[in-house]
Amino acid sequence: MPKTIELTDHAFARIKAARQEEESWSDVIERCVEPKPSVSEIIRALKRSAPSHEVLDEAEKSITQRRKRASRRKA
């Protein structure tokens, strides 16, 4: 279902410049805006390549704590 969105003039100019011939606005967004990897995806990728799992485990704990604090602030 089509959606209406509002863009600043600057944002519209950027997306318009990125739009290729015969490309829909949705196609431009799908091509240009990559989803952010989740924290768990990043941690898994790092664990596969990093020599120190202890450092990554500590990073994971820190991220989890930050998320908990952020969700409490939103509530």
PDB file of N, CA and C in Angstrom:
ATOM      1  N   MET A   1       0.835  -1.165   0.000  1.00  0.00           N
ATOM      2  CA  MET A   1       0.000   0.000   0.000  1.00  0.00           C
ATOM      3  C   MET A   1       0.892   1.246   0.000  1.00  0.00           C
ATOM      4  N   PRO A   2       0.655   2.185  -0.882  1.00  0.00           N
ATOM      5  CA  PRO A   2       1.474   3.407  -0.939  1.00  0.00           C
ATOM      6  C   PRO A   2       1.350   4.224   0.337  1.00  0.00           C
ATOM      7  N   LYS A   3       2.440   4.867   0.700  1.00  0.00           N
ATOM      8  CA  LYS A   3       2.497   5.723   1.887  1.00  0.00           C
ATOM      9  C   LYS A   3       2.949   7.117   1.473  1.00  0.00           C
ATOM     10  N   THR A   4       2.487   8.101   2.197  1.00  0.00           N
ATOM     11  CA  THR A   4       2.919   9.475   1.976  1.00  0.00           C
ATOM     12  C   THR A   4       3.964   9.816   3.029  1.00  0.00           C
ATOM     13  N   ILE A   5       5.076  10.387   2.579  1.00  0.00           N
ATOM     14  CA  ILE A   5       6.110  10.817   3.514  1.00  0.00           C
ATOM     15  C   ILE A   5       6.463  12.267   3.231  1.00  0.00           C
ATOM     16  N   GLU A   6       6.995  12.946   4.244  1.00  0.00           N
ATOM     17  CA  GLU A   6       7.447  14.322   4.074  1.00  0.00           C
ATOM     18  C   GLU A   6       8.963  14.340   4.127  1.00  0.00           C
ATOM     19  N   LEU A   7       9.571  15.087   3.211  1.00  0.00           N
ATOM     20  CA  LEU A   7      11.022  15.219   3.158  1.00  0.00           C
ATOM     21  C   LEU A   7      11.396  16.689   3.173  1.00  0.00           C
ATOM     22  N   THR A   8      12.549  16.983   3.739  1.00  0.00           N
ATOM     23  CA  THR A   8      13.061  18.347   3.627  1.00  0.00           C
ATOM     24  C   THR A   8      13.492  18.557   2.177  1.00  0.00           C
ATOM     25  N   ASP A   9      13.664  19.798   1.784  1.00  0.00           N
ATOM     26  CA  ASP A   9      14.122  20.082   0.422  1.00  0.00           C
ATOM     27  C   ASP A   9      15.478  19.433   0.163  1.00  0.00           C
ATOM     28  N   HIS A  10      16.343  19.473   1.176  1.00  0.00           N
ATOM     29  CA  HIS A  10      17.672  18.889   1.034  1.00  0.00           C
ATOM     30  C   HIS A  10      17.586  17.376   0.831  1.00  0.00           C
ATOM     31  N   ALA A  11      16.759  16.707   1.631  1.00  0.00           N
ATOM     32  CA  ALA A  11      16.608  15.252   1.508  1.00  0.00           C
ATOM     33  C   ALA A  11      16.010  14.892   0.144  1.00  0.00           C
ATOM     34  N   PHE A  12      15.019  15.665  -0.311  1.00  0.00           N
ATOM     35  CA  PHE A  12      14.417  15.387  -1.613  1.00  0.00           C
ATOM     36  C   PHE A  12      15.436  15.567  -2.737  1.00  0.00           C
ATOM     37  N   ALA A  13      16.256  16.604  -2.646  1.00  0.00           N
ATOM     38  CA  ALA A  13      17.272  16.835  -3.677  1.00  0.00           C
ATOM     39  C   ALA A  13      18.251  15.662  -3.737  1.00  0.00           C
ATOM     40  N   ARG A  14      18.620  15.132  -2.580  1.00  0.00           N
ATOM     41  CA  ARG A  14      19.556  13.997  -2.538  1.00  0.00           C
ATOM     42  C   ARG A  14      18.944  12.748  -3.153  1.00  0.00           C
ATOM     43  N   ILE A  15      17.704  12.458  -2.793  1.00  0.00           N
ATOM     44  CA  ILE A  15      17.081  11.249  -3.321  1.00  0.00           C
ATOM     45  C   ILE A  15      16.781  11.399  -4.815  1.00  0.00           C
ATOM     46  N   LYS A  16      16.435  12.605  -5.216  1.00  0.00           N
ATOM     47  CA  LYS A  16      16.170  12.858  -6.640  1.00  0.00           C
ATOM     48  C   LYS A  16      17.453  12.677  -7.459  1.00  0.00           C
ATOM     49  N   ALA A  17      18.580  13.133  -6.911  1.00  0.00           N
ATOM     50  CA  ALA A  17      19.862  12.992  -7.600  1.00  0.00           C
ATOM     51  C   ALA A  17      20.273  11.518  -7.700  1.00  0.00           C
ATOM     52  N   ALA A  18      19.869  10.734  -6.722  1.00  0.00           N
ATOM     53  CA  ALA A  18      20.226   9.310  -6.718  1.00  0.00           C
ATOM     54  C   ALA A  18      19.323   8.479  -7.619  1.00  0.00           C
ATOM     55  N   ARG A  19      18.167   8.998  -7.941  1.00  0.00           N
ATOM     56  CA  ARG A  19      17.184   8.248  -8.729  1.00  0.00           C
ATOM     57  C   ARG A  19      17.663   8.054 -10.159  1.00  0.00           C
ATOM     58  N   GLN A  20      17.631   6.796 -10.574  1.00  0.00           N
ATOM     59  CA  GLN A  20      18.024   6.458 -11.936  1.00  0.00           C
ATOM     60  C   GLN A  20      16.793   6.420 -12.840  1.00  0.00           C
ATOM     61  N   GLU A  21      17.036   6.535 -14.127  1.00  0.00           N
ATOM     62  CA  GLU A  21      15.937   6.527 -15.088  1.00  0.00           C
ATOM     63  C   GLU A  21      15.091   5.266 -14.921  1.00  0.00           C
ATOM     64  N   GLU A  22      13.790   5.432 -14.976  1.00  0.00           N
ATOM     65  CA  GLU A  22      12.829   4.326 -14.852  1.00  0.00           C
ATOM     66  C   GLU A  22      12.811   3.685 -13.464  1.00  0.00           C
ATOM     67  N   GLU A  23      13.431   4.314 -12.476  1.00  0.00           N
ATOM     68  CA  GLU A  23      13.467   3.760 -11.134  1.00  0.00           C
ATOM     69  C   GLU A  23      12.382   4.423 -10.282  1.00  0.00           C
ATOM     70  N   SER A  24      11.644   3.620  -9.532  1.00  0.00           N
ATOM     71  CA  SER A  24      10.628   4.173  -8.630  1.00  0.00           C
ATOM     72  C   SER A  24      11.317   4.752  -7.400  1.00  0.00           C
ATOM     73  N   TRP A  25      10.561   5.583  -6.654  1.00  0.00           N
ATOM     74  CA  TRP A  25      11.120   6.135  -5.432  1.00  0.00           C
ATOM     75  C   TRP A  25      11.438   5.011  -4.445  1.00  0.00           C
ATOM     76  N   SER A  26      10.587   4.008  -4.390  1.00  0.00           N
ATOM     77  CA  SER A  26      10.842   2.861  -3.505  1.00  0.00           C
ATOM     78  C   SER A  26      12.123   2.141  -3.908  1.00  0.00           C
ATOM     79  N   ASP A  27      12.347   2.002  -5.215  1.00  0.00           N
ATOM     80  CA  ASP A  27      13.569   1.351  -5.696  1.00  0.00           C
ATOM     81  C   ASP A  27      14.814   2.129  -5.254  1.00  0.00           C
ATOM     82  N   VAL A  28      14.723   3.465  -5.313  1.00  0.00           N
ATOM     83  CA  VAL A  28      15.856   4.303  -4.897  1.00  0.00           C
ATOM     84  C   VAL A  28      16.161   4.060  -3.421  1.00  0.00           C
ATOM     85  N   ILE A  29      15.130   4.065  -2.603  1.00  0.00           N
ATOM     86  CA  ILE A  29      15.322   3.874  -1.163  1.00  0.00           C
ATOM     87  C   ILE A  29      15.865   2.483  -0.881  1.00  0.00           C
ATOM     88  N   GLU A  30      15.302   1.455  -1.509  1.00  0.00           N
ATOM     89  CA  GLU A  30      15.787   0.085  -1.312  1.00  0.00           C
ATOM     90  C   GLU A  30      17.254  -0.041  -1.707  1.00  0.00           C
ATOM     91  N   ARG A  31      17.658   0.620  -2.777  1.00  0.00           N
ATOM     92  CA  ARG A  31      19.028   0.533  -3.261  1.00  0.00           C
ATOM     93  C   ARG A  31      19.997   1.326  -2.392  1.00  0.00           C
ATOM     94  N   CYS A  32      19.562   2.482  -1.919  1.00  0.00           N
ATOM     95  CA  CYS A  32      20.477   3.393  -1.223  1.00  0.00           C
ATOM     96  C   CYS A  32      20.500   3.260   0.289  1.00  0.00           C
ATOM     97  N   VAL A  33      19.452   2.755   0.870  1.00  0.00           N
ATOM     98  CA  VAL A  33      19.364   2.690   2.328  1.00  0.00           C
ATOM     99  C   VAL A  33      19.475   1.232   2.758  1.00  0.00           C
ATOM    100  N   GLU A  34      20.653   0.899   3.260  1.00  0.00           N
ATOM    101  CA  GLU A  34      20.880  -0.467   3.719  1.00  0.00           C
ATOM    102  C   GLU A  34      20.448  -0.585   5.169  1.00  0.00           C
ATOM    103  N   PRO A  35      19.810  -1.696   5.525  1.00  0.00           N
ATOM    104  CA  PRO A  35      19.429  -1.861   6.927  1.00  0.00           C
ATOM    105  C   PRO A  35      20.657  -1.983   7.812  1.00  0.00           C
ATOM    106  N   LYS A  36      20.563  -1.465   9.006  1.00  0.00           N
ATOM    107  CA  LYS A  36      21.664  -1.565   9.963  1.00  0.00           C
ATOM    108  C   LYS A  36      21.714  -2.991  10.493  1.00  0.00           C
ATOM    109  N   PRO A  37      22.907  -3.545  10.616  1.00  0.00           N
ATOM    110  CA  PRO A  37      22.988  -4.885  11.205  1.00  0.00           C
ATOM    111  C   PRO A  37      22.633  -4.813  12.687  1.00  0.00           C
ATOM    112  N   SER A  38      22.087  -5.895  13.192  1.00  0.00           N
ATOM    113  CA  SER A  38      21.764  -5.930  14.621  1.00  0.00           C
ATOM    114  C   SER A  38      23.057  -6.073  15.416  1.00  0.00           C
ATOM    115  N   VAL A  39      22.972  -5.767  16.684  1.00  0.00           N
ATOM    116  CA  VAL A  39      24.137  -5.901  17.556  1.00  0.00           C
ATOM    117  C   VAL A  39      24.613  -7.348  17.560  1.00  0.00           C
ATOM    118  N   SER A  40      23.677  -8.284  17.613  1.00  0.00           N
ATOM    119  CA  SER A  40      24.076  -9.698  17.654  1.00  0.00           C
ATOM    120  C   SER A  40      24.772 -10.110  16.358  1.00  0.00           C
ATOM    121  N   GLU A  41      24.351  -9.561  15.216  1.00  0.00           N
ATOM    122  CA  GLU A  41      25.035  -9.852  13.950  1.00  0.00           C
ATOM    123  C   GLU A  41      26.458  -9.308  13.960  1.00  0.00           C
ATOM    124  N   ILE A  42      26.634  -8.126  14.496  1.00  0.00           N
ATOM    125  CA  ILE A  42      27.967  -7.527  14.577  1.00  0.00           C
ATOM    126  C   ILE A  42      28.860  -8.346  15.503  1.00  0.00           C
ATOM    127  N   ILE A  43      28.320  -8.715  16.655  1.00  0.00           N
ATOM    128  CA  ILE A  43      29.095  -9.504  17.622  1.00  0.00           C
ATOM    129  C   ILE A  43      29.510 -10.840  17.000  1.00  0.00           C
ATOM    130  N   ARG A  44      28.566 -11.512  16.318  1.00  0.00           N
ATOM    131  CA  ARG A  44      28.900 -12.799  15.675  1.00  0.00           C
ATOM    132  C   ARG A  44      30.012 -12.624  14.648  1.00  0.00           C
ATOM    133  N   ALA A  45      29.929 -11.580  13.837  1.00  0.00           N
ATOM    134  CA  ALA A  45      30.957 -11.337  12.819  1.00  0.00           C
ATOM    135  C   ALA A  45      32.308 -11.072  13.465  1.00  0.00           C
ATOM    136  N   LEU A  46      32.312 -10.291  14.533  1.00  0.00           N
ATOM    137  CA  LEU A  46      33.560  -9.998  15.227  1.00  0.00           C
ATOM    138  C   LEU A  46      34.144 -11.241  15.886  1.00  0.00           C
ATOM    139  N   LYS A  47      33.286 -12.058  16.472  1.00  0.00           N
ATOM    140  CA  LYS A  47      33.769 -13.275  17.131  1.00  0.00           C
ATOM    141  C   LYS A  47      34.421 -14.229  16.133  1.00  0.00           C
ATOM    142  N   ARG A  48      33.913 -14.245  14.907  1.00  0.00           N
ATOM    143  CA  ARG A  48      34.506 -15.115  13.884  1.00  0.00           C
ATOM    144  C   ARG A  48      35.915 -14.662  13.507  1.00  0.00           C
ATOM    145  N   SER A  49      36.197 -13.359  13.647  1.00  0.00           N
ATOM    146  CA  SER A  49      37.485 -12.846  13.173  1.00  0.00           C
ATOM    147  C   SER A  49      38.413 -12.343  14.277  1.00  0.00           C
ATOM    148  N   ALA A  50      37.892 -12.113  15.468  1.00  0.00           N
ATOM    149  CA  ALA A  50      38.698 -11.509  16.533  1.00  0.00           C
ATOM    150  C   ALA A  50      39.386 -12.574  17.385  1.00  0.00           C
ATOM    151  N   PRO A  51      40.605 -12.306  17.812  1.00  0.00           N
ATOM    152  CA  PRO A  51      41.308 -13.279  18.640  1.00  0.00           C
ATOM    153  C   PRO A  51      40.817 -13.311  20.086  1.00  0.00           C
ATOM    154  N   SER A  52      40.267 -12.212  20.593  1.00  0.00           N
ATOM    155  CA  SER A  52      39.903 -12.142  22.005  1.00  0.00           C
ATOM    156  C   SER A  52      38.380 -12.139  22.182  1.00  0.00           C
ATOM    157  N   HIS A  53      37.847 -13.261  22.622  1.00  0.00           N
ATOM    158  CA  HIS A  53      36.417 -13.346  22.885  1.00  0.00           C
ATOM    159  C   HIS A  53      36.044 -12.590  24.157  1.00  0.00           C
ATOM    160  N   GLU A  54      36.996 -12.450  25.062  1.00  0.00           N
ATOM    161  CA  GLU A  54      36.721 -11.742  26.312  1.00  0.00           C
ATOM    162  C   GLU A  54      36.355 -10.287  26.043  1.00  0.00           C
ATOM    163  N   VAL A  55      37.081  -9.656  25.159  1.00  0.00           N
ATOM    164  CA  VAL A  55      36.810  -8.258  24.825  1.00  0.00           C
ATOM    165  C   VAL A  55      35.421  -8.134  24.206  1.00  0.00           C
ATOM    166  N   LEU A  56      35.089  -9.053  23.312  1.00  0.00           N
ATOM    167  CA  LEU A  56      33.785  -9.000  22.663  1.00  0.00           C
ATOM    168  C   LEU A  56      32.653  -9.302  23.641  1.00  0.00           C
ATOM    169  N   ASP A  57      32.884 -10.215  24.563  1.00  0.00           N
ATOM    170  CA  ASP A  57      31.872 -10.504  25.579  1.00  0.00           C
ATOM    171  C   ASP A  57      31.601  -9.267  26.427  1.00  0.00           C
ATOM    172  N   GLU A  58      32.656  -8.547  26.784  1.00  0.00           N
ATOM    173  CA  GLU A  58      32.496  -7.316  27.563  1.00  0.00           C
ATOM    174  C   GLU A  58      31.745  -6.257  26.755  1.00  0.00           C
ATOM    175  N   ALA A  59      32.046  -6.163  25.470  1.00  0.00           N
ATOM    176  CA  ALA A  59      31.346  -5.205  24.605  1.00  0.00           C
ATOM    177  C   ALA A  59      29.863  -5.551  24.535  1.00  0.00           C
ATOM    178  N   GLU A  60      29.570  -6.820  24.419  1.00  0.00           N
ATOM    179  CA  GLU A  60      28.182  -7.264  24.359  1.00  0.00           C
ATOM    180  C   GLU A  60      27.442  -6.921  25.655  1.00  0.00           C
ATOM    181  N   LYS A  61      28.082  -7.123  26.791  1.00  0.00           N
ATOM    182  CA  LYS A  61      27.478  -6.781  28.077  1.00  0.00           C
ATOM    183  C   LYS A  61      27.207  -5.279  28.160  1.00  0.00           C
ATOM    184  N   SER A  62      28.169  -4.492  27.705  1.00  0.00           N
ATOM    185  CA  SER A  62      28.028  -3.043  27.742  1.00  0.00           C
ATOM    186  C   SER A  62      26.858  -2.585  26.865  1.00  0.00           C
ATOM    187  N   ILE A  63      26.750  -3.153  25.693  1.00  0.00           N
ATOM    188  CA  ILE A  63      25.659  -2.791  24.783  1.00  0.00           C
ATOM    189  C   ILE A  63      24.315  -3.164  25.386  1.00  0.00           C
ATOM    190  N   THR A  64      24.242  -4.339  25.979  1.00  0.00           N
ATOM    191  CA  THR A  64      23.002  -4.790  26.612  1.00  0.00           C
ATOM    192  C   THR A  64      22.598  -3.842  27.735  1.00  0.00           C
ATOM    193  N   GLN A  65      23.558  -3.424  28.543  1.00  0.00           N
ATOM    194  CA  GLN A  65      23.272  -2.493  29.640  1.00  0.00           C
ATOM    195  C   GLN A  65      22.784  -1.152  29.108  1.00  0.00           C
ATOM    196  N   ARG A  66      23.417  -0.661  28.044  1.00  0.00           N
ATOM    197  CA  ARG A  66      22.994   0.616  27.449  1.00  0.00           C
ATOM    198  C   ARG A  66      21.578   0.527  26.908  1.00  0.00           C
ATOM    199  N   ARG A  67      21.249  -0.598  26.261  1.00  0.00           N
ATOM    200  CA  ARG A  67      19.894  -0.779  25.736  1.00  0.00           C
ATOM    201  C   ARG A  67      18.866  -0.767  26.860  1.00  0.00           C
ATOM    202  N   LYS A  68      19.187  -1.430  27.969  1.00  0.00           N
ATOM    203  CA  LYS A  68      18.267  -1.471  29.106  1.00  0.00           C
ATOM    204  C   LYS A  68      18.039  -0.067  29.650  1.00  0.00           C
ATOM    205  N   ARG A  69      19.124   0.706  29.788  1.00  0.00           N
ATOM    206  CA  ARG A  69      18.987   2.084  30.288  1.00  0.00           C
ATOM    207  C   ARG A  69      18.162   2.936  29.325  1.00  0.00           C
ATOM    208  N   ALA A  70      18.384   2.775  28.035  1.00  0.00           N
ATOM    209  CA  ALA A  70      17.661   3.556  27.031  1.00  0.00           C
ATOM    210  C   ALA A  70      16.171   3.196  27.041  1.00  0.00           C
ATOM    211  N   SER A  71      15.864   1.915  27.195  1.00  0.00           N
ATOM    212  CA  SER A  71      14.452   1.530  27.205  1.00  0.00           C
ATOM    213  C   SER A  71      13.751   2.032  28.475  1.00  0.00           C
ATOM    214  N   ARG A  72      14.470   2.120  29.589  1.00  0.00           N
ATOM    215  CA  ARG A  72      13.890   2.664  30.814  1.00  0.00           C
ATOM    216  C   ARG A  72      13.588   4.148  30.655  1.00  0.00           C
ATOM    217  N   ARG A  73      14.478   4.863  29.943  1.00  0.00           N
ATOM    218  CA  ARG A  73      14.266   6.308  29.732  1.00  0.00           C
ATOM    219  C   ARG A  73      13.048   6.557  28.859  1.00  0.00           C
ATOM    220  N   LYS A  74      12.791   5.669  27.891  1.00  0.00           N
ATOM    221  CA  LYS A  74      11.656   5.836  26.996  1.00  0.00           C
ATOM    222  C   LYS A  74      10.337   5.565  27.708  1.00  0.00           C
ATOM    223  N   ALA A  75      10.389   4.717  28.722  1.00  0.00           N
ATOM    224  CA  ALA A  75       9.143   4.323  29.426  1.00  0.00           C
ATOM    225  C   ALA A  75       8.636   5.391  30.340  1.00  0.00           C
TER     226      ALA A  75
END
